């Protein structure tokens, strides 16, 4: 609960939680049993920057201790935090590699621009 900044709300009924609090609670529940594989869909969308950094630091720590984490997101800033990316457009894998490789291969400075190049949109 501390990781998702809900430690002061443990006695509150979940029905009284805001939408953002419920989202953070679902993340806490997913982490509770220290899974070997964690699949997350946009895990920090709508979370303030300070808490978002804390959560991504925790993901990095989990990964260092053997947890495989798969993140799906359309937020390129989140994608850039991942070790490897698979860029998908219209259900097709259009590129795969590290963020740095994808940027270098497209001569771009951002994952968003790399996605546009791989997707045939140019920049």
PDB file of N, CA and C in Angstrom:
ATOM      1  N   UNK A   1       0.828  -1.198   0.000  1.00  0.00           N
ATOM      2  CA  UNK A   1       0.000   0.000   0.000  1.00  0.00           C
ATOM      3  C   UNK A   1       0.870   1.258   0.000  1.00  0.00           C
ATOM      4  N   UNK A   2       2.053   1.137   0.602  1.00  0.00           N
ATOM      5  CA  UNK A   2       2.944   2.293   0.630  1.00  0.00           C
ATOM      6  C   UNK A   2       3.431   2.648  -0.769  1.00  0.00           C
ATOM      7  N   UNK A   3       3.767   1.626  -1.553  1.00  0.00           N
ATOM      8  CA  UNK A   3       4.264   1.872  -2.905  1.00  0.00           C
ATOM      9  C   UNK A   3       3.280   2.708  -3.717  1.00  0.00           C
ATOM     10  N   UNK A   4       1.994   2.442  -3.573  1.00  0.00           N
ATOM     11  CA  UNK A   4       0.983   3.154  -4.360  1.00  0.00           C
ATOM     12  C   UNK A   4       0.328   4.280  -3.567  1.00  0.00           C
ATOM     13  N   UNK A   5       0.950   4.640  -2.449  1.00  0.00           N
ATOM     14  CA  UNK A   5       0.535   5.778  -1.624  1.00  0.00           C
ATOM     15  C   UNK A   5      -0.909   5.650  -1.118  1.00  0.00           C
ATOM     16  N   UNK A   6      -1.241   4.450  -0.656  1.00  0.00           N
ATOM     17  CA  UNK A   6      -2.569   4.225  -0.083  1.00  0.00           C
ATOM     18  C   UNK A   6      -2.493   3.796   1.377  1.00  0.00           C
ATOM     19  N   UNK A   7      -1.323   3.900   1.989  1.00  0.00           N
ATOM     20  CA  UNK A   7      -1.138   3.431   3.364  1.00  0.00           C
ATOM     21  C   UNK A   7      -2.050   4.139   4.363  1.00  0.00           C
ATOM     22  N   UNK A   8      -2.486   5.339   4.067  1.00  0.00           N
ATOM     23  CA  UNK A   8      -3.378   6.060   4.973  1.00  0.00           C
ATOM     24  C   UNK A   8      -4.858   5.786   4.700  1.00  0.00           C
ATOM     25  N   UNK A   9      -5.124   4.851   3.793  1.00  0.00           N
ATOM     26  CA  UNK A   9      -6.511   4.565   3.409  1.00  0.00           C
ATOM     27  C   UNK A   9      -6.878   3.096   3.588  1.00  0.00           C
ATOM     28  N   UNK A  10      -6.114   2.366   4.381  1.00  0.00           N
ATOM     29  CA  UNK A  10      -6.349   0.926   4.514  1.00  0.00           C
ATOM     30  C   UNK A  10      -7.641   0.595   5.257  1.00  0.00           C
ATOM     31  N   UNK A  11      -8.160   1.499   6.052  1.00  0.00           N
ATOM     32  CA  UNK A  11      -9.398   1.247   6.789  1.00  0.00           C
ATOM     33  C   UNK A  11     -10.633   1.729   6.033  1.00  0.00           C
ATOM     34  N   UNK A  12     -10.415   2.335   4.884  1.00  0.00           N
ATOM     35  CA  UNK A  12     -11.509   2.885   4.081  1.00  0.00           C
ATOM     36  C   UNK A  12     -12.079   1.786   3.169  1.00  0.00           C
ATOM     37  N   UNK A  13     -13.386   1.747   3.017  1.00  0.00           N
ATOM     38  CA  UNK A  13     -13.994   0.803   2.085  1.00  0.00           C
ATOM     39  C   UNK A  13     -13.593   1.164   0.657  1.00  0.00           C
ATOM     40  N   UNK A  14     -13.329   0.158  -0.155  1.00  0.00           N
ATOM     41  CA  UNK A  14     -12.928   0.389  -1.541  1.00  0.00           C
ATOM     42  C   UNK A  14     -14.016   1.165  -2.288  1.00  0.00           C
ATOM     43  N   UNK A  15     -15.263   0.966  -1.913  1.00  0.00           N
ATOM     44  CA  UNK A  15     -16.366   1.698  -2.546  1.00  0.00           C
ATOM     45  C   UNK A  15     -16.193   3.211  -2.382  1.00  0.00           C
ATOM     46  N   UNK A  16     -15.459   3.622  -1.348  1.00  0.00           N
ATOM     47  CA  UNK A  16     -15.215   5.034  -1.112  1.00  0.00           C
ATOM     48  C   UNK A  16     -13.970   5.561  -1.803  1.00  0.00           C
ATOM     49  N   UNK A  17     -13.239   4.684  -2.494  1.00  0.00           N
ATOM     50  CA  UNK A  17     -12.033   5.097  -3.212  1.00  0.00           C
ATOM     51  C   UNK A  17     -12.416   5.836  -4.496  1.00  0.00           C
ATOM     52  N   UNK A  18     -11.595   6.790  -4.878  1.00  0.00           N
ATOM     53  CA  UNK A  18     -11.759   7.448  -6.177  1.00  0.00           C
ATOM     54  C   UNK A  18     -11.298   6.472  -7.269  1.00  0.00           C
ATOM     55  N   UNK A  19     -11.540   6.829  -8.513  1.00  0.00           N
ATOM     56  CA  UNK A  19     -11.098   5.988  -9.629  1.00  0.00           C
ATOM     57  C   UNK A  19      -9.588   5.781  -9.626  1.00  0.00           C
ATOM     58  N   UNK A  20      -8.842   6.854  -9.358  1.00  0.00           N
ATOM     59  CA  UNK A  20      -7.386   6.748  -9.313  1.00  0.00           C
ATOM     60  C   UNK A  20      -6.903   5.869  -8.176  1.00  0.00           C
ATOM     61  N   UNK A  21      -7.573   5.970  -7.046  1.00  0.00           N
ATOM     62  CA  UNK A  21      -7.211   5.134  -5.898  1.00  0.00           C
ATOM     63  C   UNK A  21      -7.482   3.662  -6.213  1.00  0.00           C
ATOM     64  N   UNK A  22      -8.575   3.374  -6.893  1.00  0.00           N
ATOM     65  CA  UNK A  22      -8.887   1.996  -7.262  1.00  0.00           C
ATOM     66  C   UNK A  22      -7.837   1.449  -8.227  1.00  0.00           C
ATOM     67  N   UNK A  23      -7.386   2.295  -9.136  1.00  0.00           N
ATOM     68  CA  UNK A  23      -6.348   1.885 -10.090  1.00  0.00           C
ATOM     69  C   UNK A  23      -5.059   1.556  -9.351  1.00  0.00           C
ATOM     70  N   UNK A  24      -4.698   2.387  -8.384  1.00  0.00           N
ATOM     71  CA  UNK A  24      -3.481   2.138  -7.599  1.00  0.00           C
ATOM     72  C   UNK A  24      -3.639   0.880  -6.750  1.00  0.00           C
ATOM     73  N   UNK A  25      -4.843   0.661  -6.215  1.00  0.00           N
ATOM     74  CA  UNK A  25      -5.097  -0.538  -5.418  1.00  0.00           C
ATOM     75  C   UNK A  25      -4.941  -1.791  -6.269  1.00  0.00           C
ATOM     76  N   UNK A  26      -5.439  -1.763  -7.489  1.00  0.00           N
ATOM     77  CA  UNK A  26      -5.312  -2.941  -8.355  1.00  0.00           C
ATOM     78  C   UNK A  26      -3.846  -3.247  -8.643  1.00  0.00           C
ATOM     79  N   UNK A  27      -3.024  -2.222  -8.760  1.00  0.00           N
ATOM     80  CA  UNK A  27      -1.593  -2.425  -8.954  1.00  0.00           C
ATOM     81  C   UNK A  27      -0.972  -3.046  -7.693  1.00  0.00           C
ATOM     82  N   UNK A  28      -1.350  -2.546  -6.526  1.00  0.00           N
ATOM     83  CA  UNK A  28      -0.841  -3.098  -5.264  1.00  0.00           C
ATOM     84  C   UNK A  28      -1.210  -4.570  -5.132  1.00  0.00           C
ATOM     85  N   UNK A  29      -2.440  -4.914  -5.504  1.00  0.00           N
ATOM     86  CA  UNK A  29      -2.896  -6.304  -5.425  1.00  0.00           C
ATOM     87  C   UNK A  29      -2.090  -7.181  -6.375  1.00  0.00           C
ATOM     88  N   UNK A  30      -1.803  -6.676  -7.565  1.00  0.00           N
ATOM     89  CA  UNK A  30      -1.019  -7.440  -8.537  1.00  0.00           C
ATOM     90  C   UNK A  30       0.388  -7.715  -8.031  1.00  0.00           C
ATOM     91  N   UNK A  31       0.937  -6.804  -7.239  1.00  0.00           N
ATOM     92  CA  UNK A  31       2.301  -6.944  -6.733  1.00  0.00           C
ATOM     93  C   UNK A  31       2.380  -7.738  -5.438  1.00  0.00           C
ATOM     94  N   UNK A  32       1.269  -7.924  -4.781  1.00  0.00           N
ATOM     95  CA  UNK A  32       1.224  -8.508  -3.441  1.00  0.00           C
ATOM     96  C   UNK A  32       1.908  -9.866  -3.333  1.00  0.00           C
ATOM     97  N   UNK A  33       1.713 -10.729  -4.290  1.00  0.00           N
ATOM     98  CA  UNK A  33       2.261 -12.092  -4.189  1.00  0.00           C
ATOM     99  C   UNK A  33       3.623 -12.252  -4.865  1.00  0.00           C
ATOM    100  N   UNK A  34       4.268 -11.133  -5.183  1.00  0.00           N
ATOM    101  CA  UNK A  34       5.600 -11.137  -5.798  1.00  0.00           C
ATOM    102  C   UNK A  34       5.652 -12.091  -6.998  1.00  0.00           C
ATOM    103  N   UNK A  35       4.900 -11.779  -8.045  1.00  0.00           N
ATOM    104  CA  UNK A  35       4.792 -12.682  -9.192  1.00  0.00           C
ATOM    105  C   UNK A  35       6.091 -12.797  -9.988  1.00  0.00           C
ATOM    106  N   UNK A  36       6.255 -13.937 -10.648  1.00  0.00           N
ATOM    107  CA  UNK A  36       7.389 -14.121 -11.553  1.00  0.00           C
ATOM    108  C   UNK A  36       7.136 -13.402 -12.870  1.00  0.00           C
ATOM    109  N   UNK A  37       5.867 -13.290 -13.243  1.00  0.00           N
ATOM    110  CA  UNK A  37       5.447 -12.613 -14.467  1.00  0.00           C
ATOM    111  C   UNK A  37       4.347 -11.629 -14.112  1.00  0.00           C
ATOM    112  N   UNK A  38       4.529 -10.400 -14.546  1.00  0.00           N
ATOM    113  CA  UNK A  38       3.564  -9.346 -14.270  1.00  0.00           C
ATOM    114  C   UNK A  38       3.187  -8.702 -15.599  1.00  0.00           C
ATOM    115  N   UNK A  39       1.910  -8.739 -15.949  1.00  0.00           N
ATOM    116  CA  UNK A  39       1.428  -8.134 -17.190  1.00  0.00           C
ATOM    117  C   UNK A  39       0.554  -6.950 -16.815  1.00  0.00           C
ATOM    118  N   UNK A  40       0.940  -5.771 -17.272  1.00  0.00           N
ATOM    119  CA  UNK A  40       0.277  -4.532 -16.870  1.00  0.00           C
ATOM    120  C   UNK A  40      -0.167  -3.739 -18.092  1.00  0.00           C
ATOM    121  N   UNK A  41      -1.367  -3.199 -18.031  1.00  0.00           N
ATOM    122  CA  UNK A  41      -1.882  -2.350 -19.099  1.00  0.00           C
ATOM    123  C   UNK A  41      -1.880  -0.907 -18.600  1.00  0.00           C
ATOM    124  N   UNK A  42      -1.019  -0.098 -19.173  1.00  0.00           N
ATOM    125  CA  UNK A  42      -0.894   1.318 -18.812  1.00  0.00           C
ATOM    126  C   UNK A  42      -0.898   1.512 -17.295  1.00  0.00           C
ATOM    127  N   UNK A  43       0.098   0.951 -16.620  1.00  0.00           N
ATOM    128  CA  UNK A  43       0.068   0.904 -15.155  1.00  0.00           C
ATOM    129  C   UNK A  43       0.131   2.240 -14.438  1.00  0.00           C
ATOM    130  N   UNK A  44       0.669   3.267 -15.057  1.00  0.00           N
ATOM    131  CA  UNK A  44       0.797   4.534 -14.330  1.00  0.00           C
ATOM    132  C   UNK A  44       0.089   5.700 -15.011  1.00  0.00           C
ATOM    133  N   UNK A  45      -0.779   5.413 -15.964  1.00  0.00           N
ATOM    134  CA  UNK A  45      -1.551   6.480 -16.600  1.00  0.00           C
ATOM    135  C   UNK A  45      -2.467   7.110 -15.553  1.00  0.00           C
ATOM    136  N   UNK A  46      -2.471   8.413 -15.485  1.00  0.00           N
ATOM    137  CA  UNK A  46      -3.324   9.124 -14.548  1.00  0.00           C
ATOM    138  C   UNK A  46      -2.753   9.230 -13.139  1.00  0.00           C
ATOM    139  N   UNK A  47      -1.520   8.810 -12.969  1.00  0.00           N
ATOM    140  CA  UNK A  47      -0.872   8.887 -11.658  1.00  0.00           C
ATOM    141  C   UNK A  47       0.109  10.053 -11.671  1.00  0.00           C
ATOM    142  N   UNK A  48       0.172  10.794 -10.567  1.00  0.00           N
ATOM    143  CA  UNK A  48       1.023  11.990 -10.537  1.00  0.00           C
ATOM    144  C   UNK A  48       2.495  11.615 -10.746  1.00  0.00           C
ATOM    145  N   UNK A  49       3.314  12.540 -11.251  1.00  0.00           N
ATOM    146  CA  UNK A  49       4.699  12.256 -11.612  1.00  0.00           C
ATOM    147  C   UNK A  49       5.560  11.695 -10.477  1.00  0.00           C
ATOM    148  N   UNK A  50       5.379  12.157  -9.257  1.00  0.00           N
ATOM    149  CA  UNK A  50       6.200  11.665  -8.143  1.00  0.00           C
ATOM    150  C   UNK A  50       5.889  10.201  -7.866  1.00  0.00           C
ATOM    151  N   UNK A  51       4.622   9.867  -7.794  1.00  0.00           N
ATOM    152  CA  UNK A  51       4.228   8.477  -7.553  1.00  0.00           C
ATOM    153  C   UNK A  51       4.580   7.606  -8.750  1.00  0.00           C
ATOM    154  N   UNK A  52       4.436   8.131  -9.962  1.00  0.00           N
ATOM    155  CA  UNK A  52       4.795   7.381 -11.164  1.00  0.00           C
ATOM    156  C   UNK A  52       6.258   6.975 -11.122  1.00  0.00           C
ATOM    157  N   UNK A  53       7.143   7.896 -10.747  1.00  0.00           N
ATOM    158  CA  UNK A  53       8.568   7.571 -10.653  1.00  0.00           C
ATOM    159  C   UNK A  53       8.803   6.485  -9.612  1.00  0.00           C
ATOM    160  N   UNK A  54       8.142   6.593  -8.485  1.00  0.00           N
ATOM    161  CA  UNK A  54       8.282   5.601  -7.413  1.00  0.00           C
ATOM    162  C   UNK A  54       7.854   4.215  -7.908  1.00  0.00           C
ATOM    163  N   UNK A  55       6.769   4.152  -8.646  1.00  0.00           N
ATOM    164  CA  UNK A  55       6.273   2.878  -9.162  1.00  0.00           C
ATOM    165  C   UNK A  55       7.233   2.301 -10.198  1.00  0.00           C
ATOM    166  N   UNK A  56       7.722   3.126 -11.122  1.00  0.00           N
ATOM    167  CA  UNK A  56       8.660   2.628 -12.128  1.00  0.00           C
ATOM    168  C   UNK A  56       9.972   2.185 -11.477  1.00  0.00           C
ATOM    169  N   UNK A  57      10.409   2.865 -10.426  1.00  0.00           N
ATOM    170  CA  UNK A  57      11.595   2.412  -9.689  1.00  0.00           C
ATOM    171  C   UNK A  57      11.337   1.035  -9.078  1.00  0.00           C
ATOM    172  N   UNK A  58      10.128   0.829  -8.559  1.00  0.00           N
ATOM    173  CA  UNK A  58       9.771  -0.482  -7.993  1.00  0.00           C
ATOM    174  C   UNK A  58       9.751  -1.548  -9.085  1.00  0.00           C
ATOM    175  N   UNK A  59       9.237  -1.210 -10.281  1.00  0.00           N
ATOM    176  CA  UNK A  59       9.253  -2.164 -11.389  1.00  0.00           C
ATOM    177  C   UNK A  59      10.690  -2.559 -11.721  1.00  0.00           C
ATOM    178  N   UNK A  60      11.581  -1.575 -11.764  1.00  0.00           N
ATOM    179  CA  UNK A  60      12.996  -1.845 -12.061  1.00  0.00           C
ATOM    180  C   UNK A  60      13.584  -2.778 -11.010  1.00  0.00           C
ATOM    181  N   UNK A  61      13.263  -2.536  -9.754  1.00  0.00           N
ATOM    182  CA  UNK A  61      13.757  -3.385  -8.669  1.00  0.00           C
ATOM    183  C   UNK A  61      13.198  -4.808  -8.787  1.00  0.00           C
ATOM    184  N   UNK A  62      11.909  -4.923  -9.077  1.00  0.00           N
ATOM    185  CA  UNK A  62      11.308  -6.245  -9.279  1.00  0.00           C
ATOM    186  C   UNK A  62      11.999  -6.987 -10.412  1.00  0.00           C
ATOM    187  N   UNK A  63      12.258  -6.276 -11.499  1.00  0.00           N
ATOM    188  CA  UNK A  63      12.910  -6.885 -12.651  1.00  0.00           C
ATOM    189  C   UNK A  63      14.313  -7.362 -12.294  1.00  0.00           C
ATOM    190  N   UNK A  64      15.048  -6.566 -11.534  1.00  0.00           N
ATOM    191  CA  UNK A  64      16.396  -6.961 -11.114  1.00  0.00           C
ATOM    192  C   UNK A  64      16.370  -8.215 -10.256  1.00  0.00           C
ATOM    193  N   UNK A  65      15.244  -8.456  -9.581  1.00  0.00           N
ATOM    194  CA  UNK A  65      15.119  -9.631  -8.718  1.00  0.00           C
ATOM    195  C   UNK A  65      14.373 -10.776  -9.403  1.00  0.00           C
ATOM    196  N   UNK A  66      14.258 -10.705 -10.738  1.00  0.00           N
ATOM    197  CA  UNK A  66      13.760 -11.839 -11.498  1.00  0.00           C
ATOM    198  C   UNK A  66      12.345 -11.770 -12.023  1.00  0.00           C
ATOM    199  N   UNK A  67      11.596 -10.737 -11.727  1.00  0.00           N
ATOM    200  CA  UNK A  67      10.229 -10.633 -12.242  1.00  0.00           C
ATOM    201  C   UNK A  67      10.267 -10.134 -13.682  1.00  0.00           C
ATOM    202  N   UNK A  68       9.608 -10.861 -14.550  1.00  0.00           N
ATOM    203  CA  UNK A  68       9.442 -10.410 -15.930  1.00  0.00           C
ATOM    204  C   UNK A  68       8.203  -9.527 -15.969  1.00  0.00           C
ATOM    205  N   UNK A  69       8.343  -8.345 -16.546  1.00  0.00           N
ATOM    206  CA  UNK A  69       7.234  -7.395 -16.584  1.00  0.00           C
ATOM    207  C   UNK A  69       6.927  -7.053 -18.039  1.00  0.00           C
ATOM    208  N   UNK A  70       5.680  -7.265 -18.412  1.00  0.00           N
ATOM    209  CA  UNK A  70       5.202  -6.899 -19.747  1.00  0.00           C
ATOM    210  C   UNK A  70       4.224  -5.743 -19.569  1.00  0.00           C
ATOM    211  N   UNK A  71       4.483  -4.652 -20.273  1.00  0.00           N
ATOM    212  CA  UNK A  71       3.655  -3.450 -20.175  1.00  0.00           C
ATOM    213  C   UNK A  71       3.064  -3.160 -21.547  1.00  0.00           C
ATOM    214  N   UNK A  72       1.761  -2.941 -21.588  1.00  0.00           N
ATOM    215  CA  UNK A  72       1.149  -2.451 -22.818  1.00  0.00           C
ATOM    216  C   UNK A  72       0.778  -0.995 -22.588  1.00  0.00           C
ATOM    217  N   UNK A  73       1.108  -0.160 -23.560  1.00  0.00           N
ATOM    218  CA  UNK A  73       0.821   1.265 -23.406  1.00  0.00           C
ATOM    219  C   UNK A  73       0.896   1.973 -24.747  1.00  0.00           C
ATOM    220  N   UNK A  74       0.159   3.044 -24.854  1.00  0.00           N
ATOM    221  CA  UNK A  74       0.298   3.929 -26.006  1.00  0.00           C
ATOM    222  C   UNK A  74       1.053   5.190 -25.593  1.00  0.00           C
ATOM    223  N   UNK A  75       1.447   5.270 -24.331  1.00  0.00           N
ATOM    224  CA  UNK A  75       2.192   6.413 -23.810  1.00  0.00           C
ATOM    225  C   UNK A  75       3.684   6.148 -24.046  1.00  0.00           C
ATOM    226  N   UNK A  76       4.234   6.863 -24.996  1.00  0.00           N
ATOM    227  CA  UNK A  76       5.612   6.588 -25.400  1.00  0.00           C
ATOM    228  C   UNK A  76       6.626   6.853 -24.286  1.00  0.00           C
ATOM    229  N   UNK A  77       6.332   7.788 -23.382  1.00  0.00           N
ATOM    230  CA  UNK A  77       7.230   8.026 -22.243  1.00  0.00           C
ATOM    231  C   UNK A  77       7.334   6.804 -21.357  1.00  0.00           C
ATOM    232  N   UNK A  78       6.230   6.081 -21.201  1.00  0.00           N
ATOM    233  CA  UNK A  78       6.254   4.839 -20.430  1.00  0.00           C
ATOM    234  C   UNK A  78       7.000   3.762 -21.202  1.00  0.00           C
ATOM    235  N   UNK A  79       6.749   3.680 -22.499  1.00  0.00           N
ATOM    236  CA  UNK A  79       7.410   2.668 -23.321  1.00  0.00           C
ATOM    237  C   UNK A  79       8.929   2.833 -23.265  1.00  0.00           C
ATOM    238  N   UNK A  80       9.373   4.071 -23.245  1.00  0.00           N
ATOM    239  CA  UNK A  80      10.818   4.338 -23.239  1.00  0.00           C
ATOM    240  C   UNK A  80      11.499   3.820 -21.973  1.00  0.00           C
ATOM    241  N   UNK A  81      10.755   3.618 -20.898  1.00  0.00           N
ATOM    242  CA  UNK A  81      11.317   3.115 -19.649  1.00  0.00           C
ATOM    243  C   UNK A  81      11.572   1.605 -19.694  1.00  0.00           C
ATOM    244  N   UNK A  82      11.015   0.937 -20.693  1.00  0.00           N
ATOM    245  CA  UNK A  82      11.135  -0.515 -20.798  1.00  0.00           C
ATOM    246  C   UNK A  82      12.460  -0.913 -21.440  1.00  0.00           C
ATOM    247  N   UNK A  83      12.921  -2.119 -21.122  1.00  0.00           N
ATOM    248  CA  UNK A  83      14.190  -2.602 -21.658  1.00  0.00           C
ATOM    249  C   UNK A  83      14.092  -2.982 -23.127  1.00  0.00           C
ATOM    250  N   UNK A  84      12.958  -3.581 -23.508  1.00  0.00           N
ATOM    251  CA  UNK A  84      12.732  -3.980 -24.893  1.00  0.00           C
ATOM    252  C   UNK A  84      11.320  -3.592 -25.272  1.00  0.00           C
ATOM    253  N   UNK A  85      11.158  -3.236 -26.539  1.00  0.00           N
ATOM    254  CA  UNK A  85       9.852  -2.817 -27.031  1.00  0.00           C
ATOM    255  C   UNK A  85       9.449  -3.647 -28.239  1.00  0.00           C
ATOM    256  N   UNK A  86       8.177  -3.888 -28.344  1.00  0.00           N
ATOM    257  CA  UNK A  86       7.582  -4.417 -29.551  1.00  0.00           C
ATOM    258  C   UNK A  86       6.551  -3.389 -29.985  1.00  0.00           C
ATOM    259  N   UNK A  87       6.765  -2.763 -31.115  1.00  0.00           N
ATOM    260  CA  UNK A  87       5.835  -1.744 -31.598  1.00  0.00           C
ATOM    261  C   UNK A  87       4.784  -2.434 -32.463  1.00  0.00           C
ATOM    262  N   UNK A  88       3.513  -2.218 -32.115  1.00  0.00           N
ATOM    263  CA  UNK A  88       2.411  -2.873 -32.808  1.00  0.00           C
ATOM    264  C   UNK A  88       1.495  -1.818 -33.412  1.00  0.00           C
ATOM    265  N   UNK A  89       1.131  -2.042 -34.670  1.00  0.00           N
ATOM    266  CA  UNK A  89       0.172  -1.150 -35.343  1.00  0.00           C
ATOM    267  C   UNK A  89      -0.809  -2.003 -36.121  1.00  0.00           C
ATOM    268  N   UNK A  90      -2.072  -1.760 -35.927  1.00  0.00           N
ATOM    269  CA  UNK A  90      -3.134  -2.514 -36.589  1.00  0.00           C
ATOM    270  C   UNK A  90      -2.968  -4.020 -36.366  1.00  0.00           C
ATOM    271  N   UNK A  91      -2.552  -4.381 -35.156  1.00  0.00           N
ATOM    272  CA  UNK A  91      -2.418  -5.790 -34.798  1.00  0.00           C
ATOM    273  C   UNK A  91      -1.174  -6.465 -35.337  1.00  0.00           C
ATOM    274  N   UNK A  92      -0.291  -5.725 -35.975  1.00  0.00           N
ATOM    275  CA  UNK A  92       0.934  -6.284 -36.555  1.00  0.00           C
ATOM    276  C   UNK A  92       2.155  -5.749 -35.827  1.00  0.00           C
ATOM    277  N   UNK A  93       3.100  -6.627 -35.536  1.00  0.00           N
ATOM    278  CA  UNK A  93       4.374  -6.215 -34.953  1.00  0.00           C
ATOM    279  C   UNK A  93       5.192  -5.546 -36.055  1.00  0.00           C
ATOM    280  N   UNK A  94       5.476  -4.249 -35.873  1.00  0.00           N
ATOM    281  CA  UNK A  94       6.192  -3.519 -36.923  1.00  0.00           C
ATOM    282  C   UNK A  94       7.660  -3.297 -36.588  1.00  0.00           C
ATOM    283  N   UNK A  95       8.034  -3.472 -35.337  1.00  0.00           N
ATOM    284  CA  UNK A  95       9.436  -3.322 -34.948  1.00  0.00           C
ATOM    285  C   UNK A  95       9.623  -3.896 -33.554  1.00  0.00           C
ATOM    286  N   UNK A  96      10.868  -4.284 -33.259  1.00  0.00           N
ATOM    287  CA  UNK A  96      11.194  -4.834 -31.951  1.00  0.00           C
ATOM    288  C   UNK A  96      12.651  -4.526 -31.656  1.00  0.00           C
ATOM    289  N   UNK A  97      12.929  -4.185 -30.400  1.00  0.00           N
ATOM    290  CA  UNK A  97      14.298  -3.910 -29.983  1.00  0.00           C
ATOM    291  C   UNK A  97      14.314  -3.041 -28.742  1.00  0.00           C
ATOM    292  N   UNK A  98      15.503  -2.630 -28.360  1.00  0.00           N
ATOM    293  CA  UNK A  98      15.615  -1.718 -27.231  1.00  0.00           C
ATOM    294  C   UNK A  98      15.168  -0.336 -27.689  1.00  0.00           C
ATOM    295  N   UNK A  99      14.781   0.520 -26.758  1.00  0.00           N
ATOM    296  CA  UNK A  99      14.429   1.888 -27.179  1.00  0.00           C
ATOM    297  C   UNK A  99      15.560   2.544 -27.973  1.00  0.00           C
ATOM    298  N   UNK A 100      16.787   2.359 -27.512  1.00  0.00           N
ATOM    299  CA  UNK A 100      17.931   2.974 -28.199  1.00  0.00           C
ATOM    300  C   UNK A 100      18.084   2.418 -29.615  1.00  0.00           C
ATOM    301  N   UNK A 101      17.960   1.100 -29.778  1.00  0.00           N
ATOM    302  CA  UNK A 101      18.071   0.497 -31.110  1.00  0.00           C
ATOM    303  C   UNK A 101      16.999   1.032 -32.052  1.00  0.00           C
ATOM    304  N   UNK A 102      15.775   1.129 -31.563  1.00  0.00           N
ATOM    305  CA  UNK A 102      14.683   1.598 -32.410  1.00  0.00           C
ATOM    306  C   UNK A 102      14.902   3.039 -32.851  1.00  0.00           C
ATOM    307  N   UNK A 103      15.412   3.861 -31.952  1.00  0.00           N
ATOM    308  CA  UNK A 103      15.701   5.262 -32.313  1.00  0.00           C
ATOM    309  C   UNK A 103      16.874   5.339 -33.284  1.00  0.00           C
ATOM    310  N   UNK A 104      17.913   4.568 -33.018  1.00  0.00           N
ATOM    311  CA  UNK A 104      19.078   4.588 -33.907  1.00  0.00           C
ATOM    312  C   UNK A 104      18.719   4.080 -35.304  1.00  0.00           C
ATOM    313  N   UNK A 105      17.935   3.002 -35.362  1.00  0.00           N
ATOM    314  CA  UNK A 105      17.572   2.413 -36.658  1.00  0.00           C
ATOM    315  C   UNK A 105      16.702   3.336 -37.506  1.00  0.00           C
ATOM    316  N   UNK A 106      16.038   4.289 -36.872  1.00  0.00           N
ATOM    317  CA  UNK A 106      15.178   5.217 -37.609  1.00  0.00           C
ATOM    318  C   UNK A 106      15.741   6.636 -37.637  1.00  0.00           C
ATOM    319  N   UNK A 107      16.922   6.795 -37.050  1.00  0.00           N
ATOM    320  CA  UNK A 107      17.565   8.102 -36.982  1.00  0.00           C
ATOM    321  C   UNK A 107      16.626   9.142 -36.363  1.00  0.00           C
ATOM    322  N   UNK A 108      16.007   8.767 -35.240  1.00  0.00           N
ATOM    323  CA  UNK A 108      15.085   9.652 -34.536  1.00  0.00           C
ATOM    324  C   UNK A 108      15.538   9.838 -33.093  1.00  0.00           C
ATOM    325  N   UNK A 109      14.937  10.815 -32.436  1.00  0.00           N
ATOM    326  CA  UNK A 109      15.299  11.134 -31.056  1.00  0.00           C
ATOM    327  C   UNK A 109      14.285  10.645 -30.033  1.00  0.00           C
ATOM    328  N   UNK A 110      13.162  10.105 -30.496  1.00  0.00           N
ATOM    329  CA  UNK A 110      12.133   9.662 -29.556  1.00  0.00           C
ATOM    330  C   UNK A 110      11.483   8.382 -30.052  1.00  0.00           C
ATOM    331  N   UNK A 111      10.915   7.624 -29.110  1.00  0.00           N
ATOM    332  CA  UNK A 111      10.191   6.405 -29.474  1.00  0.00           C
ATOM    333  C   UNK A 111       8.957   6.754 -30.303  1.00  0.00           C
ATOM    334  N   UNK A 112       8.315   7.861 -29.987  1.00  0.00           N
ATOM    335  CA  UNK A 112       7.151   8.267 -30.772  1.00  0.00           C
ATOM    336  C   UNK A 112       7.531   8.492 -32.228  1.00  0.00           C
ATOM    337  N   UNK A 113       8.640   9.186 -32.470  1.00  0.00           N
ATOM    338  CA  UNK A 113       9.078   9.414 -33.846  1.00  0.00           C
ATOM    339  C   UNK A 113       9.489   8.100 -34.512  1.00  0.00           C
ATOM    340  N   UNK A 114      10.155   7.217 -33.762  1.00  0.00           N
ATOM    341  CA  UNK A 114      10.530   5.908 -34.305  1.00  0.00           C
ATOM    342  C   UNK A 114       9.277   5.136 -34.710  1.00  0.00           C
ATOM    343  N   UNK A 115       8.248   5.176 -33.864  1.00  0.00           N
ATOM    344  CA  UNK A 115       6.992   4.493 -34.176  1.00  0.00           C
ATOM    345  C   UNK A 115       6.406   5.030 -35.478  1.00  0.00           C
ATOM    346  N   UNK A 116       6.432   6.345 -35.644  1.00  0.00           N
ATOM    347  CA  UNK A 116       5.889   6.948 -36.859  1.00  0.00           C
ATOM    348  C   UNK A 116       6.662   6.478 -38.095  1.00  0.00           C
ATOM    349  N   UNK A 117       7.983   6.372 -37.973  1.00  0.00           N
ATOM    350  CA  UNK A 117       8.792   5.911 -39.101  1.00  0.00           C
ATOM    351  C   UNK A 117       8.462   4.451 -39.405  1.00  0.00           C
ATOM    352  N   UNK A 118       8.478   3.606 -38.381  1.00  0.00           N
ATOM    353  CA  UNK A 118       8.171   2.177 -38.602  1.00  0.00           C
ATOM    354  C   UNK A 118       6.750   1.987 -39.095  1.00  0.00           C
ATOM    355  N   UNK A 119       5.854   2.844 -38.691  1.00  0.00           N
ATOM    356  CA  UNK A 119       4.458   2.741 -39.117  1.00  0.00           C
ATOM    357  C   UNK A 119       4.185   3.316 -40.486  1.00  0.00           C
ATOM    358  N   UNK A 120       5.230   3.867 -41.125  1.00  0.00           N
ATOM    359  CA  UNK A 120       5.088   4.394 -42.473  1.00  0.00           C
ATOM    360  C   UNK A 120       4.523   5.809 -42.515  1.00  0.00           C
ATOM    361  N   UNK A 121       4.450   6.460 -41.375  1.00  0.00           N
ATOM    362  CA  UNK A 121       3.896   7.808 -41.330  1.00  0.00           C
ATOM    363  C   UNK A 121       4.958   8.872 -41.525  1.00  0.00           C
ATOM    364  N   UNK A 122       6.244   8.518 -41.386  1.00  0.00           N
ATOM    365  CA  UNK A 122       7.310   9.515 -41.457  1.00  0.00           C
ATOM    366  C   UNK A 122       7.228  10.443 -40.268  1.00  0.00           C
ATOM    367  N   UNK A 123       8.107  11.406 -40.241  1.00  0.00           N
ATOM    368  CA  UNK A 123       8.065  12.401 -39.143  1.00  0.00           C
ATOM    369  C   UNK A 123       8.160  13.798 -39.694  1.00  0.00           C
TER     370      UNK A 123
END
